[in-house]
Amino acid sequence: MEPVTVLFFGSQGAGKGTQVKMLVDLLKSKSDRGVIHIDMGQELRNLRDTGSYAGTFTGTVIDAGERMPDFMPIYLQTKKIVDNLTGPEHIIADGLARGPDQTRAFDDMMQFFKRDNFQIINLVINDDTAVKRLLARGRNDDTEEAIRKRLAWTKTQVFPQLQLLKERGRTIHEIDGEPDTETIHKNVLTALKLQG
């Protein structure tokens, strides 16, 4: 199996976390290559939890629900790849490319490491589904108003990055995020030609 490099997109509630985990587990079971999984939300929380000077500022931005300045995700994604990539690993990334600078940084890094054949999975759901799913999680910061605000932000800030990646010649697979988890997983594997 060739090394697989996948960047996940999708609005909140589209089930990215679940699909990423299923894909990572599958790759671990099907090949002896390691998997480098970059979950930017988790990377930022990990930094916050160090209690370092940078971690304190990161926590302030997270708590305010604001967007992290681009340099920090760029630094964290770059450090993770530079520190861990020895050549054969699969790379699965989620929560990256949240602005043009982040997108170009990831794309440039993949070109540098000869991984510019990476593929993009965009899980597509409608806003009402997203609101319903997120409210069902019952997190205290998930009010309908807050969720709709984040969904609007995703459309204006994040989805233009797909256009930028398309212009750079990257392959984007639009996957329906409405059905059940297993169906979506099958469709993801089909798109990535990992079936069977």
N, C-alpha and C. Protein backbone atom coordinates (compact mmCIF):
# COMPACT_ATOMS: atom_id res chain seq x y z
N MET A 1 0.84 -1.19 0.00
CA MET A 1 0.00 0.00 0.00
C MET A 1 0.88 1.25 0.00
N GLU A 2 0.63 2.14 -0.96
CA GLU A 2 1.36 3.42 -1.01
C GLU A 2 0.97 4.27 0.19
N PRO A 3 1.84 5.19 0.62
CA PRO A 3 1.43 6.07 1.71
C PRO A 3 0.25 6.96 1.28
N VAL A 4 -0.71 7.07 2.15
CA VAL A 4 -1.92 7.84 1.87
C VAL A 4 -1.82 9.17 2.61
N THR A 5 -2.13 10.26 1.92
CA THR A 5 -2.14 11.58 2.55
C THR A 5 -3.50 12.22 2.31
N VAL A 6 -4.23 12.48 3.39
CA VAL A 6 -5.60 12.98 3.26
C VAL A 6 -5.82 14.17 4.19
N LEU A 7 -6.43 15.21 3.64
CA LEU A 7 -6.81 16.39 4.41
C LEU A 7 -8.34 16.44 4.47
N PHE A 8 -8.89 16.47 5.68
CA PHE A 8 -10.34 16.46 5.87
C PHE A 8 -10.91 17.86 6.02
N PHE A 9 -12.02 18.10 5.33
CA PHE A 9 -12.81 19.31 5.49
C PHE A 9 -14.24 18.92 5.84
N GLY A 10 -15.01 19.89 6.28
CA GLY A 10 -16.43 19.65 6.59
C GLY A 10 -16.85 20.59 7.70
N SER A 11 -18.11 21.01 7.67
CA SER A 11 -18.56 21.93 8.71
C SER A 11 -18.67 21.19 10.04
N GLN A 12 -18.82 21.95 11.12
CA GLN A 12 -19.01 21.36 12.43
C GLN A 12 -20.23 20.43 12.37
N GLY A 13 -20.11 19.27 12.99
CA GLY A 13 -21.24 18.34 13.01
C GLY A 13 -21.28 17.39 11.83
N ALA A 14 -20.32 17.55 10.90
CA ALA A 14 -20.32 16.69 9.70
C ALA A 14 -19.76 15.30 10.01
N GLY A 15 -19.19 15.14 11.20
CA GLY A 15 -18.66 13.81 11.57
C GLY A 15 -17.22 13.59 11.18
N LYS A 16 -16.48 14.69 11.01
CA LYS A 16 -15.06 14.57 10.62
C LYS A 16 -14.27 13.71 11.60
N GLY A 17 -14.41 14.02 12.89
CA GLY A 17 -13.64 13.30 13.91
C GLY A 17 -13.85 11.80 13.83
N THR A 18 -15.10 11.39 13.68
CA THR A 18 -15.44 9.96 13.59
C THR A 18 -14.82 9.34 12.35
N GLN A 19 -14.95 10.02 11.20
CA GLN A 19 -14.43 9.47 9.94
C GLN A 19 -12.91 9.42 9.94
N VAL A 20 -12.28 10.43 10.53
CA VAL A 20 -10.82 10.44 10.63
C VAL A 20 -10.36 9.25 11.46
N LYS A 21 -11.01 9.04 12.60
CA LYS A 21 -10.63 7.93 13.49
C LYS A 21 -10.80 6.58 12.77
N MET A 22 -11.92 6.41 12.05
CA MET A 22 -12.16 5.15 11.34
C MET A 22 -11.09 4.92 10.26
N LEU A 23 -10.71 5.99 9.58
CA LEU A 23 -9.70 5.87 8.52
C LEU A 23 -8.32 5.55 9.13
N VAL A 24 -7.97 6.24 10.21
CA VAL A 24 -6.69 5.99 10.88
C VAL A 24 -6.62 4.54 11.35
N ASP A 25 -7.70 4.06 11.99
CA ASP A 25 -7.74 2.67 12.48
C ASP A 25 -7.58 1.68 11.33
N LEU A 26 -8.27 1.96 10.22
CA LEU A 26 -8.19 1.07 9.05
C LEU A 26 -6.76 1.03 8.50
N LEU A 27 -6.14 2.20 8.35
CA LEU A 27 -4.77 2.25 7.81
C LEU A 27 -3.79 1.52 8.73
N LYS A 28 -4.00 1.66 10.03
CA LYS A 28 -3.12 0.96 10.98
C LYS A 28 -3.27 -0.54 10.86
N SER A 29 -4.50 -1.00 10.61
CA SER A 29 -4.74 -2.44 10.54
C SER A 29 -4.33 -3.02 9.19
N LYS A 30 -4.35 -2.20 8.14
CA LYS A 30 -4.10 -2.71 6.78
C LYS A 30 -2.65 -2.61 6.33
N SER A 31 -1.88 -1.75 7.00
CA SER A 31 -0.50 -1.59 6.54
C SER A 31 0.42 -1.46 7.74
N ASP A 32 1.70 -1.75 7.51
CA ASP A 32 2.65 -1.65 8.62
C ASP A 32 3.29 -0.27 8.69
N ARG A 33 2.79 0.64 7.86
CA ARG A 33 3.28 2.02 7.94
C ARG A 33 2.69 2.70 9.17
N GLY A 34 3.42 3.63 9.73
CA GLY A 34 2.86 4.43 10.82
C GLY A 34 1.85 5.42 10.25
N VAL A 35 1.06 6.02 11.13
CA VAL A 35 0.10 7.04 10.71
C VAL A 35 0.38 8.31 11.51
N ILE A 36 0.64 9.40 10.80
CA ILE A 36 0.76 10.70 11.46
C ILE A 36 -0.60 11.36 11.36
N HIS A 37 -1.23 11.55 12.52
CA HIS A 37 -2.57 12.14 12.55
C HIS A 37 -2.45 13.54 13.15
N ILE A 38 -2.77 14.55 12.34
CA ILE A 38 -2.76 15.92 12.85
C ILE A 38 -4.20 16.36 13.06
N ASP A 39 -4.57 16.54 14.32
CA ASP A 39 -5.88 17.07 14.67
C ASP A 39 -5.59 18.45 15.28
N MET A 40 -5.80 19.51 14.49
CA MET A 40 -5.35 20.83 14.94
C MET A 40 -6.02 21.28 16.22
N GLY A 41 -7.31 20.98 16.37
CA GLY A 41 -8.00 21.33 17.62
C GLY A 41 -7.30 20.72 18.82
N GLN A 42 -6.93 19.44 18.68
CA GLN A 42 -6.25 18.73 19.77
C GLN A 42 -4.84 19.29 20.00
N GLU A 43 -4.15 19.59 18.90
CA GLU A 43 -2.79 20.17 19.02
C GLU A 43 -2.84 21.48 19.81
N LEU A 44 -3.84 22.30 19.52
CA LEU A 44 -3.97 23.59 20.22
C LEU A 44 -4.32 23.39 21.68
N ARG A 45 -5.21 22.42 21.95
CA ARG A 45 -5.57 22.13 23.35
C ARG A 45 -4.37 21.57 24.12
N ASN A 46 -3.58 20.72 23.44
CA ASN A 46 -2.37 20.18 24.07
C ASN A 46 -1.41 21.30 24.45
N LEU A 47 -1.26 22.26 23.53
CA LEU A 47 -0.37 23.39 23.81
C LEU A 47 -0.90 24.20 24.99
N ARG A 48 -2.20 24.46 24.99
CA ARG A 48 -2.83 25.18 26.10
C ARG A 48 -2.54 24.48 27.43
N ASP A 49 -2.66 23.15 27.41
CA ASP A 49 -2.55 22.36 28.65
C ASP A 49 -1.12 22.27 29.18
N THR A 50 -0.12 22.70 28.37
CA THR A 50 1.25 22.70 28.88
C THR A 50 1.41 23.78 29.95
N GLY A 51 0.53 24.79 29.90
CA GLY A 51 0.64 25.88 30.86
C GLY A 51 1.83 26.79 30.57
N SER A 52 2.45 26.61 29.40
CA SER A 52 3.59 27.46 29.01
C SER A 52 3.08 28.87 28.69
N TYR A 53 4.03 29.76 28.42
CA TYR A 53 3.68 31.14 28.07
C TYR A 53 2.80 31.15 26.81
N ALA A 54 3.25 30.43 25.77
CA ALA A 54 2.46 30.34 24.52
C ALA A 54 1.13 29.63 24.79
N GLY A 55 1.17 28.62 25.66
CA GLY A 55 -0.03 27.85 26.00
C GLY A 55 -1.10 28.71 26.65
N THR A 56 -0.67 29.64 27.50
CA THR A 56 -1.60 30.54 28.19
C THR A 56 -2.34 31.42 27.19
N PHE A 57 -1.59 31.99 26.23
CA PHE A 57 -2.22 32.83 25.21
C PHE A 57 -3.15 32.00 24.31
N THR A 58 -2.72 30.79 24.01
CA THR A 58 -3.53 29.90 23.18
C THR A 58 -4.86 29.60 23.88
N GLY A 59 -4.80 29.33 25.19
CA GLY A 59 -6.00 29.06 25.97
C GLY A 59 -6.96 30.23 25.96
N THR A 60 -6.43 31.46 26.01
CA THR A 60 -7.27 32.65 25.98
C THR A 60 -8.07 32.73 24.69
N VAL A 61 -7.41 32.43 23.55
CA VAL A 61 -8.08 32.47 22.25
C VAL A 61 -9.13 31.36 22.16
N ILE A 62 -8.78 30.16 22.64
CA ILE A 62 -9.72 29.03 22.61
C ILE A 62 -10.95 29.36 23.46
N ASP A 63 -10.73 29.86 24.66
CA ASP A 63 -11.85 30.16 25.56
C ASP A 63 -12.77 31.22 25.00
N ALA A 64 -12.20 32.15 24.24
CA ALA A 64 -13.01 33.23 23.66
C ALA A 64 -13.72 32.76 22.39
N GLY A 65 -13.42 31.54 21.95
CA GLY A 65 -14.04 31.00 20.73
C GLY A 65 -13.60 31.74 19.48
N GLU A 66 -12.41 32.32 19.55
CA GLU A 66 -11.93 33.09 18.40
C GLU A 66 -11.02 32.22 17.54
N ARG A 67 -10.73 32.73 16.34
CA ARG A 67 -9.86 32.00 15.42
C ARG A 67 -8.41 32.23 15.81
N MET A 68 -7.65 31.15 15.84
CA MET A 68 -6.24 31.23 16.19
C MET A 68 -5.49 31.95 15.06
N PRO A 69 -4.59 32.90 15.39
CA PRO A 69 -3.79 33.53 14.33
C PRO A 69 -3.03 32.45 13.54
N ASP A 70 -2.90 32.67 12.25
CA ASP A 70 -2.39 31.63 11.35
C ASP A 70 -1.03 31.07 11.74
N PHE A 71 -0.15 31.91 12.33
CA PHE A 71 1.21 31.42 12.57
C PHE A 71 1.21 30.19 13.49
N MET A 72 0.24 30.11 14.41
CA MET A 72 0.28 29.02 15.40
C MET A 72 -0.08 27.66 14.78
N PRO A 73 -1.23 27.55 14.05
CA PRO A 73 -1.49 26.27 13.37
C PRO A 73 -0.38 25.91 12.37
N ILE A 74 0.16 26.93 11.68
CA ILE A 74 1.24 26.66 10.72
C ILE A 74 2.45 26.07 11.46
N TYR A 75 2.80 26.67 12.58
CA TYR A 75 3.92 26.18 13.39
C TYR A 75 3.65 24.75 13.87
N LEU A 76 2.45 24.52 14.42
CA LEU A 76 2.14 23.21 14.99
C LEU A 76 2.10 22.11 13.93
N GLN A 77 1.47 22.40 12.77
CA GLN A 77 1.40 21.36 11.73
C GLN A 77 2.79 21.09 11.16
N THR A 78 3.59 22.14 11.00
CA THR A 78 4.95 21.98 10.46
C THR A 78 5.81 21.17 11.42
N LYS A 79 5.75 21.52 12.70
CA LYS A 79 6.54 20.82 13.72
C LYS A 79 6.17 19.34 13.77
N LYS A 80 4.86 19.05 13.71
CA LYS A 80 4.39 17.66 13.79
C LYS A 80 4.95 16.83 12.62
N ILE A 81 4.91 17.40 11.41
CA ILE A 81 5.39 16.67 10.23
C ILE A 81 6.93 16.57 10.26
N VAL A 82 7.60 17.69 10.53
CA VAL A 82 9.07 17.69 10.52
C VAL A 82 9.62 16.72 11.57
N ASP A 83 8.98 16.70 12.75
CA ASP A 83 9.46 15.84 13.84
C ASP A 83 9.15 14.36 13.63
N ASN A 84 8.08 14.05 12.88
CA ASN A 84 7.59 12.66 12.84
C ASN A 84 7.70 11.96 11.48
N LEU A 85 7.78 12.71 10.40
CA LEU A 85 7.77 12.08 9.08
C LEU A 85 9.16 11.55 8.73
N THR A 86 9.24 10.22 8.55
CA THR A 86 10.52 9.62 8.14
C THR A 86 10.43 9.12 6.70
N GLY A 87 9.26 9.25 6.07
CA GLY A 87 9.11 8.85 4.67
C GLY A 87 7.88 8.01 4.39
N PRO A 88 7.78 6.83 5.04
CA PRO A 88 6.71 5.92 4.64
C PRO A 88 5.35 6.13 5.28
N GLU A 89 5.24 7.04 6.26
CA GLU A 89 4.00 7.14 7.03
C GLU A 89 2.83 7.67 6.21
N HIS A 90 1.62 7.23 6.61
CA HIS A 90 0.40 7.86 6.12
C HIS A 90 0.23 9.18 6.88
N ILE A 91 -0.37 10.18 6.24
CA ILE A 91 -0.64 11.45 6.92
C ILE A 91 -2.14 11.74 6.80
N ILE A 92 -2.80 11.86 7.95
CA ILE A 92 -4.22 12.19 7.99
C ILE A 92 -4.37 13.49 8.78
N ALA A 93 -4.93 14.51 8.16
CA ALA A 93 -4.99 15.83 8.79
C ALA A 93 -6.42 16.35 8.86
N ASP A 94 -6.73 16.96 9.99
CA ASP A 94 -8.08 17.48 10.23
C ASP A 94 -7.96 18.79 10.98
N GLY A 95 -8.73 19.79 10.56
CA GLY A 95 -8.71 21.08 11.26
C GLY A 95 -7.60 21.99 10.77
N LEU A 96 -7.02 21.66 9.61
CA LEU A 96 -5.97 22.49 9.02
C LEU A 96 -6.57 23.33 7.90
N ALA A 97 -5.73 24.16 7.30
CA ALA A 97 -6.13 24.97 6.13
C ALA A 97 -7.37 25.80 6.45
N ARG A 98 -7.30 26.53 7.56
CA ARG A 98 -8.44 27.36 7.98
C ARG A 98 -8.33 28.79 7.50
N GLY A 99 -7.38 29.05 6.62
CA GLY A 99 -7.19 30.37 6.02
C GLY A 99 -6.16 30.22 4.93
N PRO A 100 -6.04 31.21 4.03
CA PRO A 100 -5.15 31.06 2.88
C PRO A 100 -3.69 30.79 3.26
N ASP A 101 -3.20 31.45 4.32
CA ASP A 101 -1.80 31.23 4.71
C ASP A 101 -1.58 29.81 5.21
N GLN A 102 -2.53 29.31 6.03
CA GLN A 102 -2.44 27.92 6.53
C GLN A 102 -2.50 26.94 5.37
N THR A 103 -3.40 27.23 4.42
CA THR A 103 -3.59 26.33 3.29
C THR A 103 -2.32 26.24 2.44
N ARG A 104 -1.76 27.41 2.14
CA ARG A 104 -0.53 27.43 1.34
C ARG A 104 0.61 26.74 2.09
N ALA A 105 0.68 26.96 3.41
CA ALA A 105 1.75 26.33 4.20
C ALA A 105 1.65 24.81 4.14
N PHE A 106 0.43 24.28 4.29
CA PHE A 106 0.26 22.82 4.24
C PHE A 106 0.60 22.31 2.84
N ASP A 107 0.09 22.99 1.82
CA ASP A 107 0.32 22.56 0.44
C ASP A 107 1.81 22.63 0.09
N ASP A 108 2.47 23.70 0.51
CA ASP A 108 3.92 23.83 0.25
C ASP A 108 4.70 22.72 0.94
N MET A 109 4.28 22.41 2.18
CA MET A 109 4.96 21.37 2.94
C MET A 109 4.79 20.01 2.25
N MET A 110 3.58 19.73 1.76
CA MET A 110 3.34 18.47 1.06
C MET A 110 4.16 18.38 -0.23
N GLN A 111 4.28 19.52 -0.93
CA GLN A 111 5.13 19.53 -2.14
C GLN A 111 6.58 19.26 -1.77
N PHE A 112 7.06 19.91 -0.71
CA PHE A 112 8.44 19.76 -0.26
C PHE A 112 8.75 18.29 0.05
N PHE A 113 7.81 17.62 0.70
CA PHE A 113 8.01 16.21 1.09
C PHE A 113 7.51 15.23 0.02
N LYS A 114 7.29 15.73 -1.20
CA LYS A 114 6.85 14.89 -2.33
C LYS A 114 5.52 14.18 -2.04
N ARG A 115 4.62 14.89 -1.35
CA ARG A 115 3.29 14.34 -1.07
C ARG A 115 2.21 15.19 -1.73
N ASP A 116 2.55 15.85 -2.84
CA ASP A 116 1.57 16.76 -3.44
C ASP A 116 0.48 16.02 -4.21
N ASN A 117 0.47 14.68 -4.08
CA ASN A 117 -0.66 13.90 -4.62
C ASN A 117 -1.72 13.72 -3.53
N PHE A 118 -1.65 14.53 -2.45
CA PHE A 118 -2.60 14.32 -1.35
C PHE A 118 -4.02 14.60 -1.81
N GLN A 119 -4.97 13.94 -1.11
CA GLN A 119 -6.38 14.07 -1.48
C GLN A 119 -7.15 14.76 -0.36
N ILE A 120 -8.26 15.37 -0.76
CA ILE A 120 -9.09 16.10 0.20
C ILE A 120 -10.46 15.47 0.25
N ILE A 121 -10.91 15.21 1.49
CA ILE A 121 -12.27 14.72 1.70
C ILE A 121 -13.07 15.87 2.32
N ASN A 122 -14.14 16.28 1.64
CA ASN A 122 -15.01 17.32 2.19
C ASN A 122 -16.36 16.69 2.51
N LEU A 123 -16.67 16.57 3.80
CA LEU A 123 -17.95 15.99 4.24
C LEU A 123 -19.02 17.09 4.21
N VAL A 124 -20.04 16.85 3.43
CA VAL A 124 -21.06 17.89 3.19
C VAL A 124 -22.37 17.53 3.90
N ILE A 125 -22.84 18.45 4.75
CA ILE A 125 -24.17 18.30 5.36
C ILE A 125 -24.86 19.65 5.34
N ASN A 126 -26.18 19.63 5.47
CA ASN A 126 -26.86 20.93 5.50
C ASN A 126 -26.85 21.50 6.92
N ASP A 127 -27.09 22.80 7.01
CA ASP A 127 -26.98 23.49 8.30
C ASP A 127 -27.91 22.93 9.36
N ASP A 128 -29.15 22.58 8.96
CA ASP A 128 -30.10 22.07 9.95
C ASP A 128 -29.62 20.76 10.57
N THR A 129 -29.03 19.89 9.74
CA THR A 129 -28.46 18.64 10.26
C THR A 129 -27.34 18.95 11.24
N ALA A 130 -26.48 19.89 10.87
CA ALA A 130 -25.35 20.26 11.73
C ALA A 130 -25.86 20.76 13.08
N VAL A 131 -26.84 21.65 13.05
CA VAL A 131 -27.38 22.22 14.30
C VAL A 131 -27.96 21.10 15.17
N LYS A 132 -28.74 20.21 14.54
CA LYS A 132 -29.38 19.11 15.28
C LYS A 132 -28.32 18.22 15.95
N ARG A 133 -27.31 17.84 15.17
CA ARG A 133 -26.25 16.96 15.70
C ARG A 133 -25.47 17.63 16.82
N LEU A 134 -25.14 18.91 16.63
CA LEU A 134 -24.32 19.59 17.62
C LEU A 134 -25.09 19.86 18.91
N LEU A 135 -26.37 20.17 18.78
CA LEU A 135 -27.19 20.38 19.98
C LEU A 135 -27.33 19.07 20.75
N ALA A 136 -27.38 17.96 20.00
CA ALA A 136 -27.52 16.63 20.64
C ALA A 136 -26.28 16.27 21.46
N ARG A 137 -25.11 16.86 21.12
CA ARG A 137 -23.89 16.59 21.89
C ARG A 137 -23.99 17.17 23.30
N GLY A 138 -24.81 18.23 23.41
CA GLY A 138 -25.06 18.80 24.73
C GLY A 138 -23.90 19.53 25.36
N ARG A 139 -23.01 20.09 24.52
CA ARG A 139 -21.90 20.88 25.11
C ARG A 139 -22.42 22.27 25.47
N ASN A 140 -21.94 22.80 26.58
CA ASN A 140 -22.54 24.05 27.07
C ASN A 140 -22.27 25.25 26.18
N ASP A 141 -21.24 25.17 25.30
CA ASP A 141 -21.01 26.30 24.40
C ASP A 141 -21.79 26.16 23.10
N ASP A 142 -22.56 25.08 22.99
CA ASP A 142 -23.31 24.82 21.75
C ASP A 142 -24.76 25.31 21.86
N THR A 143 -24.97 26.62 21.72
CA THR A 143 -26.34 27.12 21.57
C THR A 143 -26.60 27.18 20.07
N GLU A 144 -27.87 27.19 19.68
CA GLU A 144 -28.17 27.23 18.24
C GLU A 144 -27.55 28.47 17.60
N GLU A 145 -27.61 29.58 18.31
CA GLU A 145 -27.07 30.84 17.77
C GLU A 145 -25.55 30.72 17.54
N ALA A 146 -24.86 30.17 18.54
CA ALA A 146 -23.40 30.01 18.44
C ALA A 146 -23.04 29.05 17.31
N ILE A 147 -23.81 27.99 17.19
CA ILE A 147 -23.55 26.99 16.14
C ILE A 147 -23.73 27.63 14.76
N ARG A 148 -24.84 28.35 14.58
CA ARG A 148 -25.09 28.97 13.26
C ARG A 148 -24.02 30.00 12.92
N LYS A 149 -23.51 30.67 13.95
CA LYS A 149 -22.43 31.65 13.74
C LYS A 149 -21.17 30.93 13.24
N ARG A 150 -20.85 29.78 13.87
CA ARG A 150 -19.67 29.00 13.46
C ARG A 150 -19.85 28.44 12.05
N LEU A 151 -21.07 28.01 11.73
CA LEU A 151 -21.34 27.47 10.39
C LEU A 151 -21.16 28.55 9.34
N ALA A 152 -21.62 29.76 9.65
CA ALA A 152 -21.49 30.88 8.71
C ALA A 152 -20.01 31.21 8.52
N TRP A 153 -19.26 31.18 9.63
CA TRP A 153 -17.82 31.46 9.57
C TRP A 153 -17.11 30.41 8.71
N THR A 154 -17.54 29.15 8.86
CA THR A 154 -16.94 28.07 8.07
C THR A 154 -17.13 28.33 6.58
N LYS A 155 -18.35 28.76 6.22
CA LYS A 155 -18.64 29.02 4.79
C LYS A 155 -17.78 30.16 4.24
N THR A 156 -17.63 31.23 5.03
CA THR A 156 -16.91 32.40 4.50
C THR A 156 -15.40 32.25 4.59
N GLN A 157 -14.90 31.55 5.62
CA GLN A 157 -13.45 31.49 5.85
C GLN A 157 -12.81 30.19 5.39
N VAL A 158 -13.49 29.07 5.64
CA VAL A 158 -12.85 27.76 5.43
C VAL A 158 -13.08 27.24 4.01
N PHE A 159 -14.33 27.29 3.55
CA PHE A 159 -14.62 26.69 2.24
C PHE A 159 -13.89 27.35 1.07
N PRO A 160 -13.58 28.67 1.14
CA PRO A 160 -12.75 29.23 0.06
C PRO A 160 -11.39 28.54 -0.08
N GLN A 161 -10.94 27.90 1.00
CA GLN A 161 -9.65 27.19 0.92
C GLN A 161 -9.73 26.00 -0.04
N LEU A 162 -10.93 25.43 -0.15
CA LEU A 162 -11.11 24.32 -1.11
C LEU A 162 -10.85 24.82 -2.53
N GLN A 163 -11.31 26.03 -2.81
CA GLN A 163 -11.11 26.64 -4.13
C GLN A 163 -9.62 26.86 -4.38
N LEU A 164 -8.93 27.34 -3.35
CA LEU A 164 -7.48 27.58 -3.46
C LEU A 164 -6.75 26.26 -3.75
N LEU A 165 -7.15 25.20 -3.04
CA LEU A 165 -6.51 23.89 -3.26
C LEU A 165 -6.82 23.34 -4.65
N LYS A 166 -8.06 23.60 -5.10
CA LYS A 166 -8.45 23.16 -6.45
C LYS A 166 -7.57 23.87 -7.49
N GLU A 167 -7.35 25.17 -7.27
CA GLU A 167 -6.51 25.95 -8.20
C GLU A 167 -5.08 25.44 -8.20
N ARG A 168 -4.67 24.85 -7.09
CA ARG A 168 -3.32 24.27 -7.01
C ARG A 168 -3.29 22.83 -7.53
N GLY A 169 -4.41 22.38 -8.08
CA GLY A 169 -4.44 21.07 -8.73
C GLY A 169 -4.69 19.89 -7.81
N ARG A 170 -5.22 20.16 -6.62
CA ARG A 170 -5.47 19.06 -5.68
C ARG A 170 -6.81 18.39 -5.96
N THR A 171 -6.90 17.10 -5.60
CA THR A 171 -8.12 16.31 -5.81
C THR A 171 -9.04 16.46 -4.61
N ILE A 172 -10.27 16.92 -4.86
CA ILE A 172 -11.25 17.11 -3.78
C ILE A 172 -12.43 16.16 -4.00
N HIS A 173 -12.71 15.35 -2.98
CA HIS A 173 -13.86 14.45 -3.02
C HIS A 173 -14.96 15.01 -2.12
N GLU A 174 -16.11 15.33 -2.72
CA GLU A 174 -17.27 15.78 -1.92
C GLU A 174 -18.02 14.52 -1.49
N ILE A 175 -18.15 14.32 -0.17
CA ILE A 175 -18.82 13.13 0.35
C ILE A 175 -20.05 13.56 1.14
N ASP A 176 -21.17 12.94 0.85
CA ASP A 176 -22.42 13.24 1.57
C ASP A 176 -22.27 12.82 3.03
N GLY A 177 -22.38 13.79 3.94
CA GLY A 177 -22.22 13.50 5.36
C GLY A 177 -23.53 13.23 6.08
N GLU A 178 -24.62 13.08 5.31
CA GLU A 178 -25.93 12.89 5.93
C GLU A 178 -26.23 11.45 6.37
N PRO A 179 -25.78 10.42 5.60
CA PRO A 179 -26.16 9.04 5.98
C PRO A 179 -25.49 8.58 7.28
N ASP A 180 -25.64 7.27 7.56
CA ASP A 180 -25.05 6.73 8.79
C ASP A 180 -23.52 6.63 8.65
N THR A 181 -22.87 6.50 9.78
CA THR A 181 -21.40 6.50 9.86
C THR A 181 -20.75 5.49 8.93
N GLU A 182 -21.29 4.26 8.91
CA GLU A 182 -20.69 3.19 8.10
C GLU A 182 -20.77 3.51 6.61
N THR A 183 -21.91 4.04 6.18
CA THR A 183 -22.09 4.39 4.77
C THR A 183 -21.08 5.46 4.36
N ILE A 184 -20.95 6.46 5.20
CA ILE A 184 -20.00 7.54 4.91
C ILE A 184 -18.58 6.97 4.83
N HIS A 185 -18.23 6.11 5.79
CA HIS A 185 -16.90 5.49 5.82
C HIS A 185 -16.63 4.73 4.51
N LYS A 186 -17.62 3.95 4.06
CA LYS A 186 -17.48 3.21 2.79
C LYS A 186 -17.25 4.17 1.63
N ASN A 187 -18.01 5.26 1.62
CA ASN A 187 -17.89 6.24 0.53
C ASN A 187 -16.52 6.94 0.55
N VAL A 188 -16.01 7.18 1.74
CA VAL A 188 -14.67 7.77 1.89
C VAL A 188 -13.62 6.81 1.31
N LEU A 189 -13.73 5.52 1.69
CA LEU A 189 -12.76 4.53 1.21
C LEU A 189 -12.84 4.37 -0.31
N THR A 190 -14.04 4.40 -0.84
CA THR A 190 -14.22 4.31 -2.30
C THR A 190 -13.54 5.49 -2.99
N ALA A 191 -13.77 6.69 -2.46
CA ALA A 191 -13.18 7.90 -3.05
C ALA A 191 -11.65 7.82 -3.03
N LEU A 192 -11.12 7.28 -1.93
CA LEU A 192 -9.65 7.21 -1.78
C LEU A 192 -9.06 5.94 -2.42
N LYS A 193 -9.94 5.15 -3.06
CA LYS A 193 -9.53 3.87 -3.68
C LYS A 193 -8.86 2.93 -2.66
N LEU A 194 -9.48 2.86 -1.47
CA LEU A 194 -8.95 1.98 -0.43
C LEU A 194 -9.90 0.82 -0.14
N GLN A 195 -10.91 0.65 -0.99
CA GLN A 195 -11.88 -0.43 -0.78
C GLN A 195 -11.23 -1.79 -0.95
N GLY A 196 -11.77 -2.78 -0.24
CA GLY A 196 -11.36 -4.17 -0.45
C GLY A 196 -10.10 -4.53 0.28
